Amino acid sequence: MKALYYETFSGPIAVADVPVPEAPEGGAVVRVGASGLCRSDWHAWAGHDDTVQLPHVPGHEFAGVVEAVGPGVTGWRPGDRVTAPFVNGCGQCEWCRTGQAQVCPQQTQPGFTHWGSHAEFVVVRAADRNLVALPDDLPDSAAAALGCRFATAYRALTARAALRPGEWVAVYGAGGVGLSAVAIASALGARPIVVDRSPAALDAARRVGAEHVVSAGPAVEDAVVELTSGGAHVSVDAVGTAETAVAGVRSLRRRGRHVQIGLLTGMPALPLDRVIGWELDVLGSHGMAAADYPGMLALVAAGDLRPDRLVGRTVGLAEAARSLPLTESAPSVGITVLDPSLP
């Protein structure tokens, strides 16, 4: 099969011929219809994730069709249209049994713990636990975003921050996961404010439901506090830098909730005096288990959530190989999707 392939961290990415994977016991092989290019793929390529073993095929958010199932799989068969969360639980531990597969200690992640979905085929382990059926009217290009960016944002806002209608939510970063958070917050009746340095990204945020947008800069949290008459109820760092994490916390009103979903490459010095004195909640959020997809898919089915509106470009393998290393320095507006059937 054709796949994106690299042999060194931060090194060249090639379009290579590699073996088609076999379905493991309890797992499935999915023929990839679309695979989203995500900033997390850049982190893996840059060597920031110690689960990645070289050589490697990246890619972790995808939609497609089941090609084959391994021994022991009972819920799926070839031809089923599916996606999967980027965190795949083992299906056996206490966390998986209680619906918390996103923190499974034995979790696998396509594109990190094993070869991923920037290819014609990808393996999903513990398929009965991790595959999610897709509605027929949701195209692969839009469904691909559900595995990481939409799922991550949905659980961060609903299960972790417990966002309520009418609340202000300050979203730092208008990349794929940030825009997903804006769209979800708007669909839930909240009031999103978006901070980003890119005028094009801020325009995109307006289109998907941002009530206010703010250009990133020094003391940007003061602008958020002023717009919200005292601070946001919820803040989301969808970038993952010391500056955005700290600004997110400082954007909150008393008893506010900060959710960290952007991957950090260092440890920010959070204002813990503010966290204590104002009784702020600082929450982590790590994807979403397959068991929690029905709530998000219900918003999609009702037309309240439109992942297709976030798809910016569809590219082939060669363009994806060129684009992935630039994700950090020149992020695209919206979600770029790889179609592995394209050269």
C-alpha atoms as a PDB file:
ATOM      1  CA  MET A   1       0.000   0.000   0.000  1.00  0.00           C
ATOM      2  CA  LYS A   2       0.986   3.646  -0.354  1.00  0.00           C
ATOM      3  CA  ALA A   3       1.703   5.511   2.876  1.00  0.00           C
ATOM      4  CA  LEU A   4       3.516   8.512   4.325  1.00  0.00           C
ATOM      5  CA  TYR A   5       6.711   7.156   5.832  1.00  0.00           C
ATOM      6  CA  TYR A   6       9.680   8.520   7.759  1.00  0.00           C
ATOM      7  CA  GLU A   7      12.766   6.891   9.235  1.00  0.00           C
ATOM      8  CA  THR A   8      14.129   9.709  11.404  1.00  0.00           C
ATOM      9  CA  PHE A   9      12.469  12.268  13.662  1.00  0.00           C
ATOM     10  CA  SER A  10      12.214  15.677  11.970  1.00  0.00           C
ATOM     11  CA  GLY A  11      13.576  14.020   8.830  1.00  0.00           C
ATOM     12  CA  PRO A  12      12.261  13.561   5.292  1.00  0.00           C
ATOM     13  CA  ILE A  13       8.737  12.238   4.790  1.00  0.00           C
ATOM     14  CA  ALA A  14       8.290  10.057   1.715  1.00  0.00           C
ATOM     15  CA  VAL A  15       5.398   8.447  -0.099  1.00  0.00           C
ATOM     16  CA  ALA A  16       6.452   4.812   0.158  1.00  0.00           C
ATOM     17  CA  ASP A  17       5.230   1.332  -0.687  1.00  0.00           C
ATOM     18  CA  VAL A  18       4.840  -0.576   2.585  1.00  0.00           C
ATOM     19  CA  PRO A  19       3.138  -3.878   3.470  1.00  0.00           C
ATOM     20  CA  VAL A  20      -0.635  -3.935   3.911  1.00  0.00           C
ATOM     21  CA  PRO A  21      -1.315  -4.687   7.600  1.00  0.00           C
ATOM     22  CA  GLU A  22      -3.095  -7.846   8.716  1.00  0.00           C
ATOM     23  CA  ALA A  23      -6.026  -7.789  11.118  1.00  0.00           C
ATOM     24  CA  PRO A  24      -4.793  -8.811  14.590  1.00  0.00           C
ATOM     25  CA  GLU A  25      -6.827 -10.895  17.003  1.00  0.00           C
ATOM     26  CA  GLY A  26      -9.711  -8.727  18.186  1.00  0.00           C
ATOM     27  CA  GLY A  27      -8.794  -5.992  15.702  1.00  0.00           C
ATOM     28  CA  ALA A  28      -9.766  -4.753  12.256  1.00  0.00           C
ATOM     29  CA  VAL A  29      -8.150  -3.335   9.153  1.00  0.00           C
ATOM     30  CA  VAL A  30      -9.868  -0.217   7.815  1.00  0.00           C
ATOM     31  CA  ARG A  31      -9.509   0.990   4.229  1.00  0.00           C
ATOM     32  CA  VAL A  32      -8.918   4.721   4.738  1.00  0.00           C
ATOM     33  CA  GLY A  33     -11.231   7.080   2.881  1.00  0.00           C
ATOM     34  CA  ALA A  34      -9.890  10.243   4.500  1.00  0.00           C
ATOM     35  CA  SER A  35      -7.316  11.077   7.175  1.00  0.00           C
ATOM     36  CA  GLY A  36      -6.919  14.460   8.856  1.00  0.00           C
ATOM     37  CA  LEU A  37      -3.537  16.194   9.020  1.00  0.00           C
ATOM     38  CA  CYS A  38      -3.239  17.258  12.649  1.00  0.00           C
ATOM     39  CA  ARG A  39      -0.728  19.144  14.774  1.00  0.00           C
ATOM     40  CA  SER A  40      -0.355  15.968  16.858  1.00  0.00           C
ATOM     41  CA  ASP A  41       1.095  14.272  13.755  1.00  0.00           C
ATOM     42  CA  TRP A  42       3.723  17.012  13.717  1.00  0.00           C
ATOM     43  CA  HIS A  43       4.545  16.353  17.387  1.00  0.00           C
ATOM     44  CA  ALA A  44       5.064  12.651  16.578  1.00  0.00           C
ATOM     45  CA  TRP A  45       7.282  13.457  13.574  1.00  0.00           C
ATOM     46  CA  ALA A  46       9.287  15.956  15.653  1.00  0.00           C
ATOM     47  CA  GLY A  47      10.037  13.253  18.248  1.00  0.00           C
ATOM     48  CA  HIS A  48       7.917  14.668  21.074  1.00  0.00           C
ATOM     49  CA  ASP A  49       6.052  11.402  21.741  1.00  0.00           C
ATOM     50  CA  ASP A  50       8.074   8.560  23.251  1.00  0.00           C
ATOM     51  CA  THR A  51       5.566   5.906  22.096  1.00  0.00           C
ATOM     52  CA  VAL A  52       6.573   6.371  18.445  1.00  0.00           C
ATOM     53  CA  GLN A  53       9.013   3.772  17.121  1.00  0.00           C
ATOM     54  CA  LEU A  54      10.898   4.323  13.869  1.00  0.00           C
ATOM     55  CA  PRO A  55      10.367   3.810  10.997  1.00  0.00           C
ATOM     56  CA  HIS A  56       6.862   5.178  11.184  1.00  0.00           C
ATOM     57  CA  VAL A  57       3.614   5.914   9.322  1.00  0.00           C
ATOM     58  CA  PRO A  58       1.713   8.839  10.931  1.00  0.00           C
ATOM     59  CA  GLY A  59      -1.996   9.645  11.043  1.00  0.00           C
ATOM     60  CA  HIS A  60      -4.590   9.145  13.771  1.00  0.00           C
ATOM     61  CA  GLU A  61      -7.964  10.623  12.758  1.00  0.00           C
ATOM     62  CA  PHE A  62      -9.705   8.894   9.899  1.00  0.00           C
ATOM     63  CA  ALA A  63     -12.862   7.538   8.334  1.00  0.00           C
ATOM     64  CA  GLY A  64     -13.226   4.583   6.023  1.00  0.00           C
ATOM     65  CA  VAL A  65     -14.602   1.103   5.479  1.00  0.00           C
ATOM     66  CA  VAL A  66     -13.793  -2.100   7.332  1.00  0.00           C
ATOM     67  CA  GLU A  67     -11.634  -4.219   5.030  1.00  0.00           C
ATOM     68  CA  ALA A  68     -11.043  -7.240   7.291  1.00  0.00           C
ATOM     69  CA  VAL A  69     -11.596  -8.327  10.886  1.00  0.00           C
ATOM     70  CA  GLY A  70      -9.458 -10.549  13.041  1.00  0.00           C
ATOM     71  CA  PRO A  71     -10.437 -13.540  15.173  1.00  0.00           C
ATOM     72  CA  GLY A  72     -12.796 -12.667  18.007  1.00  0.00           C
ATOM     73  CA  VAL A  73     -14.429  -9.596  16.433  1.00  0.00           C
ATOM     74  CA  THR A  74     -18.217  -9.935  16.617  1.00  0.00           C
ATOM     75  CA  GLY A  75     -19.657  -6.448  16.065  1.00  0.00           C
ATOM     76  CA  TRP A  76     -18.191  -5.527  12.688  1.00  0.00           C
ATOM     77  CA  ARG A  77     -17.820  -6.959   9.224  1.00  0.00           C
ATOM     78  CA  PRO A  78     -16.184  -5.904   5.955  1.00  0.00           C
ATOM     79  CA  GLY A  79     -18.031  -3.054   4.273  1.00  0.00           C
ATOM     80  CA  ASP A  80     -19.077  -1.223   7.461  1.00  0.00           C
ATOM     81  CA  ARG A  81     -18.359   2.526   7.373  1.00  0.00           C
ATOM     82  CA  VAL A  82     -16.488   3.515  10.505  1.00  0.00           C
ATOM     83  CA  THR A  83     -14.305   5.928  12.359  1.00  0.00           C
ATOM     84  CA  ALA A  84     -12.493   5.480  15.671  1.00  0.00           C
ATOM     85  CA  PRO A  85     -11.218   7.702  18.470  1.00  0.00           C
ATOM     86  CA  PHE A  86      -7.490   8.317  18.374  1.00  0.00           C
ATOM     87  CA  VAL A  87      -7.205   6.647  21.795  1.00  0.00           C
ATOM     88  CA  ASN A  88      -8.128   2.961  21.522  1.00  0.00           C
ATOM     89  CA  GLY A  89      -8.786   1.296  24.856  1.00  0.00           C
ATOM     90  CA  CYS A  90      -7.823  -2.311  25.551  1.00  0.00           C
ATOM     91  CA  GLY A  91     -11.447  -3.174  26.369  1.00  0.00           C
ATOM     92  CA  GLN A  92     -10.531  -5.194  29.473  1.00  0.00           C
ATOM     93  CA  CYS A  93      -9.251  -2.876  32.218  1.00  0.00           C
ATOM     94  CA  GLU A  94     -11.321  -1.074  34.875  1.00  0.00           C
ATOM     95  CA  TRP A  95     -11.193   2.173  32.882  1.00  0.00           C
ATOM     96  CA  CYS A  96     -12.525   0.592  29.699  1.00  0.00           C
ATOM     97  CA  ARG A  97     -15.198  -1.335  31.581  1.00  0.00           C
ATOM     98  CA  THR A  98     -16.492   1.937  33.051  1.00  0.00           C
ATOM     99  CA  GLY A  99     -16.511   3.808  29.740  1.00  0.00           C
ATOM    100  CA  GLN A 100     -13.252   5.729  30.285  1.00  0.00           C
ATOM    101  CA  ALA A 101     -11.159   4.175  27.505  1.00  0.00           C
ATOM    102  CA  GLN A 102      -9.488   7.533  26.807  1.00  0.00           C
ATOM    103  CA  VAL A 103      -7.306   6.966  29.904  1.00  0.00           C
ATOM    104  CA  CYS A 104      -6.755   3.220  29.435  1.00  0.00           C
ATOM    105  CA  PRO A 105      -3.250   2.312  30.704  1.00  0.00           C
ATOM    106  CA  GLN A 106      -2.854  -0.198  27.849  1.00  0.00           C
ATOM    107  CA  GLN A 107      -4.253   2.123  25.188  1.00  0.00           C
ATOM    108  CA  THR A 108      -3.068   2.007  21.603  1.00  0.00           C
ATOM    109  CA  GLN A 109      -3.088   4.939  19.223  1.00  0.00           C
ATOM    110  CA  PRO A 110      -2.845   4.605  15.431  1.00  0.00           C
ATOM    111  CA  GLY A 111      -0.104   6.939  14.276  1.00  0.00           C
ATOM    112  CA  PHE A 112       1.702   6.744  17.609  1.00  0.00           C
ATOM    113  CA  THR A 113       1.905   3.275  19.180  1.00  0.00           C
ATOM    114  CA  HIS A 114       1.624   1.648  15.744  1.00  0.00           C
ATOM    115  CA  TRP A 115       1.440   2.703  12.101  1.00  0.00           C
ATOM    116  CA  GLY A 116      -1.293   5.150  11.372  1.00  0.00           C
ATOM    117  CA  SER A 117      -3.895   6.321   8.889  1.00  0.00           C
ATOM    118  CA  HIS A 118      -1.870   8.472   6.478  1.00  0.00           C
ATOM    119  CA  ALA A 119      -2.005   5.371   4.317  1.00  0.00           C
ATOM    120  CA  GLU A 120      -4.423   3.269   2.330  1.00  0.00           C
ATOM    121  CA  PHE A 121      -5.084   0.952   5.308  1.00  0.00           C
ATOM    122  CA  VAL A 122      -4.865   1.242   9.093  1.00  0.00           C
ATOM    123  CA  VAL A 123      -5.274  -1.202  11.994  1.00  0.00           C
ATOM    124  CA  VAL A 124      -7.683  -0.572  14.892  1.00  0.00           C
ATOM    125  CA  ARG A 125      -7.089  -2.844  17.874  1.00  0.00           C
ATOM    126  CA  ALA A 126      -9.920  -4.019  20.183  1.00  0.00           C
ATOM    127  CA  ALA A 127     -12.312  -3.244  17.330  1.00  0.00           C
ATOM    128  CA  ASP A 128     -15.499  -4.161  19.165  1.00  0.00           C
ATOM    129  CA  ARG A 129     -14.643  -1.547  21.789  1.00  0.00           C
ATOM    130  CA  ASN A 130     -13.215   1.187  19.569  1.00  0.00           C
ATOM    131  CA  LEU A 131     -14.898   1.331  16.163  1.00  0.00           C
ATOM    132  CA  VAL A 132     -17.776   3.778  15.689  1.00  0.00           C
ATOM    133  CA  ALA A 133     -20.420   3.444  12.961  1.00  0.00           C
ATOM    134  CA  LEU A 134     -20.836   6.421  10.640  1.00  0.00           C
ATOM    135  CA  PRO A 135     -24.127   7.686   9.229  1.00  0.00           C
ATOM    136  CA  ASP A 136     -24.431   7.275   5.467  1.00  0.00           C
ATOM    137  CA  ASP A 137     -24.908  10.994   4.824  1.00  0.00           C
ATOM    138  CA  LEU A 138     -21.657  12.053   6.533  1.00  0.00           C
ATOM    139  CA  PRO A 139     -18.811  12.114   3.991  1.00  0.00           C
ATOM    140  CA  ASP A 140     -15.413  10.665   4.837  1.00  0.00           C
ATOM    141  CA  SER A 141     -13.730  14.072   4.665  1.00  0.00           C
ATOM    142  CA  ALA A 142     -15.955  15.458   7.432  1.00  0.00           C
ATOM    143  CA  ALA A 143     -16.086  12.234   9.453  1.00  0.00           C
ATOM    144  CA  ALA A 144     -12.288  12.065   9.607  1.00  0.00           C
ATOM    145  CA  ALA A 145     -12.273  15.065  11.963  1.00  0.00           C
ATOM    146  CA  LEU A 146     -14.488  13.274  14.482  1.00  0.00           C
ATOM    147  CA  GLY A 147     -11.727  10.917  15.634  1.00  0.00           C
ATOM    148  CA  CYS A 148      -9.487  13.562  17.165  1.00  0.00           C
ATOM    149  CA  ARG A 149     -10.353  17.218  16.900  1.00  0.00           C
ATOM    150  CA  PHE A 150     -14.137  17.173  17.268  1.00  0.00           C
ATOM    151  CA  ALA A 151     -14.106  14.317  19.785  1.00  0.00           C
ATOM    152  CA  THR A 152     -11.395  15.994  21.858  1.00  0.00           C
ATOM    153  CA  ALA A 153     -13.216  19.329  21.870  1.00  0.00           C
ATOM    154  CA  TYR A 154     -16.615  17.754  22.542  1.00  0.00           C
ATOM    155  CA  ARG A 155     -15.510  15.837  25.603  1.00  0.00           C
ATOM    156  CA  ALA A 156     -13.414  18.754  26.877  1.00  0.00           C
ATOM    157  CA  LEU A 157     -16.429  21.058  26.840  1.00  0.00           C
ATOM    158  CA  THR A 158     -19.147  18.639  27.922  1.00  0.00           C
ATOM    159  CA  ALA A 159     -17.659  15.973  30.199  1.00  0.00           C
ATOM    160  CA  ARG A 160     -14.748  17.974  31.611  1.00  0.00           C
ATOM    161  CA  ALA A 161     -15.805  21.644  31.681  1.00  0.00           C
ATOM    162  CA  ALA A 162     -19.560  20.913  31.959  1.00  0.00           C
ATOM    163  CA  LEU A 163     -20.228  23.894  29.698  1.00  0.00           C
ATOM    164  CA  ARG A 164     -23.738  25.327  30.051  1.00  0.00           C
ATOM    165  CA  PRO A 165     -25.864  27.424  27.656  1.00  0.00           C
ATOM    166  CA  GLY A 166     -25.153  31.115  27.973  1.00  0.00           C
ATOM    167  CA  GLU A 167     -21.679  30.715  29.446  1.00  0.00           C
ATOM    168  CA  TRP A 168     -18.663  32.493  28.002  1.00  0.00           C
ATOM    169  CA  VAL A 169     -15.929  30.197  26.684  1.00  0.00           C
ATOM    170  CA  ALA A 170     -12.537  31.614  25.661  1.00  0.00           C
ATOM    171  CA  VAL A 171     -10.798  29.437  23.077  1.00  0.00           C
ATOM    172  CA  TYR A 172      -7.079  30.028  22.541  1.00  0.00           C
ATOM    173  CA  GLY A 173      -6.117  28.882  19.061  1.00  0.00           C
ATOM    174  CA  ALA A 174      -8.281  28.662  15.947  1.00  0.00           C
ATOM    175  CA  GLY A 175      -6.700  25.615  14.382  1.00  0.00           C
ATOM    176  CA  GLY A 176      -8.656  22.422  13.818  1.00  0.00           C
ATOM    177  CA  VAL A 177      -9.360  21.572  17.457  1.00  0.00           C
ATOM    178  CA  GLY A 178      -9.960  25.206  18.399  1.00  0.00           C
ATOM    179  CA  LEU A 179     -12.475  25.711  15.599  1.00  0.00           C
ATOM    180  CA  SER A 180     -14.115  22.433  16.590  1.00  0.00           C
ATOM    181  CA  ALA A 181     -14.458  23.773  20.141  1.00  0.00           C
ATOM    182  CA  VAL A 182     -16.038  26.973  18.819  1.00  0.00           C
ATOM    183  CA  ALA A 183     -18.531  25.073  16.665  1.00  0.00           C
ATOM    184  CA  ILE A 184     -19.457  22.745  19.537  1.00  0.00           C
ATOM    185  CA  ALA A 185     -19.771  25.570  22.070  1.00  0.00           C
ATOM    186  CA  SER A 186     -22.038  27.470  19.692  1.00  0.00           C
ATOM    187  CA  ALA A 187     -24.156  24.357  19.077  1.00  0.00           C
ATOM    188  CA  LEU A 188     -24.543  23.970  22.856  1.00  0.00           C
ATOM    189  CA  GLY A 189     -25.772  27.544  23.247  1.00  0.00           C
ATOM    190  CA  ALA A 190     -22.591  28.944  24.824  1.00  0.00           C
ATOM    191  CA  ARG A 191     -20.844  32.214  23.851  1.00  0.00           C
ATOM    192  CA  PRO A 192     -17.410  31.578  22.295  1.00  0.00           C
ATOM    193  CA  ILE A 193     -14.556  34.095  22.179  1.00  0.00           C
ATOM    194  CA  VAL A 194     -11.529  33.113  20.084  1.00  0.00           C
ATOM    195  CA  VAL A 195      -7.926  34.278  20.398  1.00  0.00           C
ATOM    196  CA  ASP A 196      -5.466  33.700  17.549  1.00  0.00           C
ATOM    197  CA  ARG A 197      -2.676  35.566  15.781  1.00  0.00           C
ATOM    198  CA  SER A 198      -3.942  34.783  12.263  1.00  0.00           C
ATOM    199  CA  PRO A 199      -6.601  37.054  10.710  1.00  0.00           C
ATOM    200  CA  ALA A 200      -7.678  34.199   8.422  1.00  0.00           C
ATOM    201  CA  ALA A 201      -8.125  31.879  11.399  1.00  0.00           C
ATOM    202  CA  LEU A 202     -10.159  34.517  13.224  1.00  0.00           C
ATOM    203  CA  ASP A 203     -12.379  34.910  10.165  1.00  0.00           C
ATOM    204  CA  ALA A 204     -12.902  31.151  10.145  1.00  0.00           C
ATOM    205  CA  ALA A 205     -13.821  31.300  13.837  1.00  0.00           C
ATOM    206  CA  ARG A 206     -16.490  33.895  13.108  1.00  0.00           C
ATOM    207  CA  ARG A 207     -17.945  31.660  10.413  1.00  0.00           C
ATOM    208  CA  VAL A 208     -18.356  28.692  12.768  1.00  0.00           C
ATOM    209  CA  GLY A 209     -19.927  30.629  15.625  1.00  0.00           C
ATOM    210  CA  ALA A 210     -17.487  32.876  17.530  1.00  0.00           C
ATOM    211  CA  GLU A 211     -19.273  35.808  19.154  1.00  0.00           C
ATOM    212  CA  HIS A 212     -16.027  37.788  19.502  1.00  0.00           C
ATOM    213  CA  VAL A 213     -12.504  37.338  18.150  1.00  0.00           C
ATOM    214  CA  VAL A 214      -9.327  38.795  19.629  1.00  0.00           C
ATOM    215  CA  SER A 215      -5.923  39.123  17.994  1.00  0.00           C
ATOM    216  CA  ALA A 216      -3.249  37.435  20.108  1.00  0.00           C
ATOM    217  CA  GLY A 217      -0.758  39.712  21.829  1.00  0.00           C
ATOM    218  CA  PRO A 218       0.550  40.818  25.217  1.00  0.00           C
ATOM    219  CA  ALA A 219      -2.023  40.760  28.033  1.00  0.00           C
ATOM    220  CA  VAL A 220      -4.665  39.393  25.651  1.00  0.00           C
ATOM    221  CA  GLU A 221      -6.464  37.933  28.651  1.00  0.00           C
ATOM    222  CA  ASP A 222      -7.383  41.486  29.714  1.00  0.00           C
ATOM    223  CA  ALA A 223      -9.371  41.886  26.499  1.00  0.00           C
ATOM    224  CA  VAL A 224     -11.213  38.634  27.195  1.00  0.00           C
ATOM    225  CA  VAL A 225     -12.020  39.728  30.758  1.00  0.00           C
ATOM    226  CA  GLU A 226     -13.383  43.041  29.476  1.00  0.00           C
ATOM    227  CA  LEU A 227     -15.529  41.446  26.746  1.00  0.00           C
ATOM    228  CA  THR A 228     -17.026  39.003  29.246  1.00  0.00           C
ATOM    229  CA  SER A 229     -17.572  41.545  32.041  1.00  0.00           C
ATOM    230  CA  GLY A 230     -15.305  39.797  34.487  1.00  0.00           C
ATOM    231  CA  GLY A 231     -13.874  36.740  32.761  1.00  0.00           C
ATOM    232  CA  ALA A 232     -14.917  33.625  30.900  1.00  0.00           C
ATOM    233  CA  HIS A 233     -16.671  30.776  32.645  1.00  0.00           C
ATOM    234  CA  VAL A 234     -14.537  28.308  30.671  1.00  0.00           C
ATOM    235  CA  SER A 235     -11.201  28.650  28.889  1.00  0.00           C
ATOM    236  CA  VAL A 236      -9.670  26.196  26.439  1.00  0.00           C
ATOM    237  CA  ASP A 237      -6.025  26.096  25.415  1.00  0.00           C
ATOM    238  CA  ALA A 238      -6.161  24.512  21.977  1.00  0.00           C
ATOM    239  CA  VAL A 239      -2.567  25.476  21.108  1.00  0.00           C
ATOM    240  CA  GLY A 240      -0.340  24.081  23.831  1.00  0.00           C
ATOM    241  CA  THR A 241       2.214  26.747  24.756  1.00  0.00           C
ATOM    242  CA  ALA A 242       3.160  28.255  28.094  1.00  0.00           C
ATOM    243  CA  GLU A 243       1.728  31.581  26.956  1.00  0.00           C
ATOM    244  CA  THR A 244      -1.658  30.246  25.879  1.00  0.00           C
ATOM    245  CA  ALA A 245      -2.045  28.006  28.936  1.00  0.00           C
ATOM    246  CA  VAL A 246      -1.320  30.865  31.336  1.00  0.00           C
ATOM    247  CA  ALA A 247      -3.488  33.311  29.394  1.00  0.00           C
ATOM    248  CA  GLY A 248      -6.337  30.812  29.447  1.00  0.00           C
ATOM    249  CA  VAL A 249      -6.217  30.559  33.235  1.00  0.00           C
ATOM    250  CA  ARG A 250      -5.958  34.341  33.599  1.00  0.00           C
ATOM    251  CA  SER A 251      -8.991  34.798  31.313  1.00  0.00           C
ATOM    252  CA  LEU A 252     -11.305  33.126  33.817  1.00  0.00           C
ATOM    253  CA  ARG A 253     -13.751  34.654  36.234  1.00  0.00           C
ATOM    254  CA  ARG A 254     -13.865  33.417  39.802  1.00  0.00           C
ATOM    255  CA  ARG A 255     -14.673  29.676  40.013  1.00  0.00           C
ATOM    256  CA  GLY A 256     -14.016  29.296  36.290  1.00  0.00           C
ATOM    257  CA  ARG A 257     -12.764  26.147  34.557  1.00  0.00           C
ATOM    258  CA  HIS A 258      -9.692  25.885  32.346  1.00  0.00           C
ATOM    259  CA  VAL A 259      -9.341  22.864  30.035  1.00  0.00           C
ATOM    260  CA  GLN A 260      -5.950  21.971  28.567  1.00  0.00           C
ATOM    261  CA  ILE A 261      -6.226  20.079  25.299  1.00  0.00           C
ATOM    262  CA  GLY A 262      -3.267  21.478  23.341  1.00  0.00           C
ATOM    263  CA  LEU A 263      -0.194  19.257  23.728  1.00  0.00           C
ATOM    264  CA  LEU A 264       2.552  21.024  25.672  1.00  0.00           C
ATOM    265  CA  THR A 265       6.253  20.641  24.929  1.00  0.00           C
ATOM    266  CA  GLY A 266       7.245  22.270  28.233  1.00  0.00           C
ATOM    267  CA  MET A 267       5.751  22.897  31.662  1.00  0.00           C
ATOM    268  CA  PRO A 268       4.118  26.325  32.008  1.00  0.00           C
ATOM    269  CA  ALA A 269       4.319  28.227  35.295  1.00  0.00           C
ATOM    270  CA  LEU A 270       0.587  28.479  35.948  1.00  0.00           C
ATOM    271  CA  PRO A 271      -0.619  31.234  38.307  1.00  0.00           C
ATOM    272  CA  LEU A 272      -1.504  28.837  41.123  1.00  0.00           C
ATOM    273  CA  ASP A 273      -2.124  31.735  43.519  1.00  0.00           C
ATOM    274  CA  ARG A 274      -5.028  32.710  41.241  1.00  0.00           C
ATOM    275  CA  VAL A 275      -6.141  29.076  41.017  1.00  0.00           C
ATOM    276  CA  ILE A 276      -6.306  28.863  44.827  1.00  0.00           C
ATOM    277  CA  GLY A 277      -7.716  32.292  45.604  1.00  0.00           C
ATOM    278  CA  TRP A 278     -10.404  32.205  42.915  1.00  0.00           C
ATOM    279  CA  GLU A 279     -11.145  28.481  43.262  1.00  0.00           C
ATOM    280  CA  LEU A 280     -10.400  27.780  39.611  1.00  0.00           C
ATOM    281  CA  ASP A 281     -10.506  24.304  38.108  1.00  0.00           C
ATOM    282  CA  VAL A 282      -7.604  23.263  35.860  1.00  0.00           C
ATOM    283  CA  LEU A 283      -8.644  20.210  33.862  1.00  0.00           C
ATOM    284  CA  GLY A 284      -6.924  17.917  31.414  1.00  0.00           C
ATOM    285  CA  SER A 285      -8.785  16.262  28.575  1.00  0.00           C
ATOM    286  CA  HIS A 286      -7.452  13.436  26.414  1.00  0.00           C
ATOM    287  CA  GLY A 287      -9.696  12.565  23.503  1.00  0.00           C
ATOM    288  CA  MET A 288     -12.985  10.703  23.945  1.00  0.00           C
ATOM    289  CA  ALA A 289     -13.956   7.048  24.216  1.00  0.00           C
ATOM    290  CA  ALA A 290     -16.043   5.453  21.478  1.00  0.00           C
ATOM    291  CA  ALA A 291     -18.811   4.949  24.047  1.00  0.00           C
ATOM    292  CA  ASP A 292     -19.315   8.731  24.208  1.00  0.00           C
ATOM    293  CA  TYR A 293     -19.724   9.328  20.471  1.00  0.00           C
ATOM    294  CA  PRO A 294     -23.570   9.108  20.375  1.00  0.00           C
ATOM    295  CA  GLY A 295     -24.016  12.551  21.969  1.00  0.00           C
ATOM    296  CA  MET A 296     -21.720  14.209  19.447  1.00  0.00           C
ATOM    297  CA  LEU A 297     -23.213  12.313  16.512  1.00  0.00           C
ATOM    298  CA  ALA A 298     -26.699  13.379  17.648  1.00  0.00           C
ATOM    299  CA  LEU A 299     -25.661  17.025  17.227  1.00  0.00           C
ATOM    300  CA  VAL A 300     -24.351  16.170  13.760  1.00  0.00           C
ATOM    301  CA  ALA A 301     -27.563  14.335  12.821  1.00  0.00           C
ATOM    302  CA  ALA A 302     -29.673  17.292  13.995  1.00  0.00           C
ATOM    303  CA  GLY A 303     -27.661  19.675  11.833  1.00  0.00           C
ATOM    304  CA  ASP A 304     -26.475  21.672  14.867  1.00  0.00           C
ATOM    305  CA  LEU A 305     -22.878  20.580  14.319  1.00  0.00           C
ATOM    306  CA  ARG A 306     -21.389  20.676  10.814  1.00  0.00           C
ATOM    307  CA  PRO A 307     -17.867  19.177  10.707  1.00  0.00           C
ATOM    308  CA  ASP A 308     -17.866  19.609   6.925  1.00  0.00           C
ATOM    309  CA  ARG A 309     -17.639  23.390   7.421  1.00  0.00           C
ATOM    310  CA  LEU A 310     -14.210  22.999   8.970  1.00  0.00           C
ATOM    311  CA  VAL A 311     -12.690  21.037   6.101  1.00  0.00           C
ATOM    312  CA  GLY A 312     -10.434  23.445   4.247  1.00  0.00           C
ATOM    313  CA  ARG A 313      -8.384  21.401   1.770  1.00  0.00           C
ATOM    314  CA  THR A 314      -8.274  17.845   0.520  1.00  0.00           C
ATOM    315  CA  VAL A 315      -4.797  16.775  -0.582  1.00  0.00           C
ATOM    316  CA  GLY A 316      -3.097  13.699  -1.970  1.00  0.00           C
ATOM    317  CA  LEU A 317      -0.181  11.778  -0.527  1.00  0.00           C
ATOM    318  CA  ALA A 318       2.581  13.886  -2.075  1.00  0.00           C
ATOM    319  CA  GLU A 319       1.113  17.190  -0.885  1.00  0.00           C
ATOM    320  CA  ALA A 320       0.494  15.715   2.571  1.00  0.00           C
ATOM    321  CA  ALA A 321       4.143  14.677   2.787  1.00  0.00           C
ATOM    322  CA  ARG A 322       5.155  18.271   2.041  1.00  0.00           C
ATOM    323  CA  SER A 323       2.570  19.807   4.383  1.00  0.00           C
ATOM    324  CA  LEU A 324       3.023  17.773   7.551  1.00  0.00           C
ATOM    325  CA  PRO A 325       6.439  19.231   8.553  1.00  0.00           C
ATOM    326  CA  LEU A 326       5.010  22.751   8.117  1.00  0.00           C
ATOM    327  CA  THR A 327       2.070  22.202  10.483  1.00  0.00           C
ATOM    328  CA  GLU A 328       3.803  24.002  13.348  1.00  0.00           C
ATOM    329  CA  SER A 329       5.243  26.960  11.444  1.00  0.00           C
ATOM    330  CA  ALA A 330       2.534  27.472   8.821  1.00  0.00           C
ATOM    331  CA  PRO A 331      -0.729  25.929  10.058  1.00  0.00           C
ATOM    332  CA  SER A 332      -3.581  25.797   7.589  1.00  0.00           C
ATOM    333  CA  VAL A 333      -6.952  27.400   8.213  1.00  0.00           C
ATOM    334  CA  GLY A 334      -9.471  24.746   9.153  1.00  0.00           C
ATOM    335  CA  ILE A 335      -8.817  21.034   8.705  1.00  0.00           C
ATOM    336  CA  THR A 336      -6.673  19.640   5.900  1.00  0.00           C
ATOM    337  CA  VAL A 337      -7.693  16.120   4.889  1.00  0.00           C
ATOM    338  CA  LEU A 338      -5.594  13.498   3.127  1.00  0.00           C
ATOM    339  CA  ASP A 339      -7.297  11.328   0.510  1.00  0.00           C
ATOM    340  CA  PRO A 340      -4.897   8.367   0.165  1.00  0.00           C
ATOM    341  CA  SER A 341      -6.353   7.442  -3.204  1.00  0.00           C
ATOM    342  CA  LEU A 342      -4.834  10.644  -4.616  1.00  0.00           C
ATOM    343  CA  PRO A 343      -1.151  10.706  -5.614  1.00  0.00           C
END
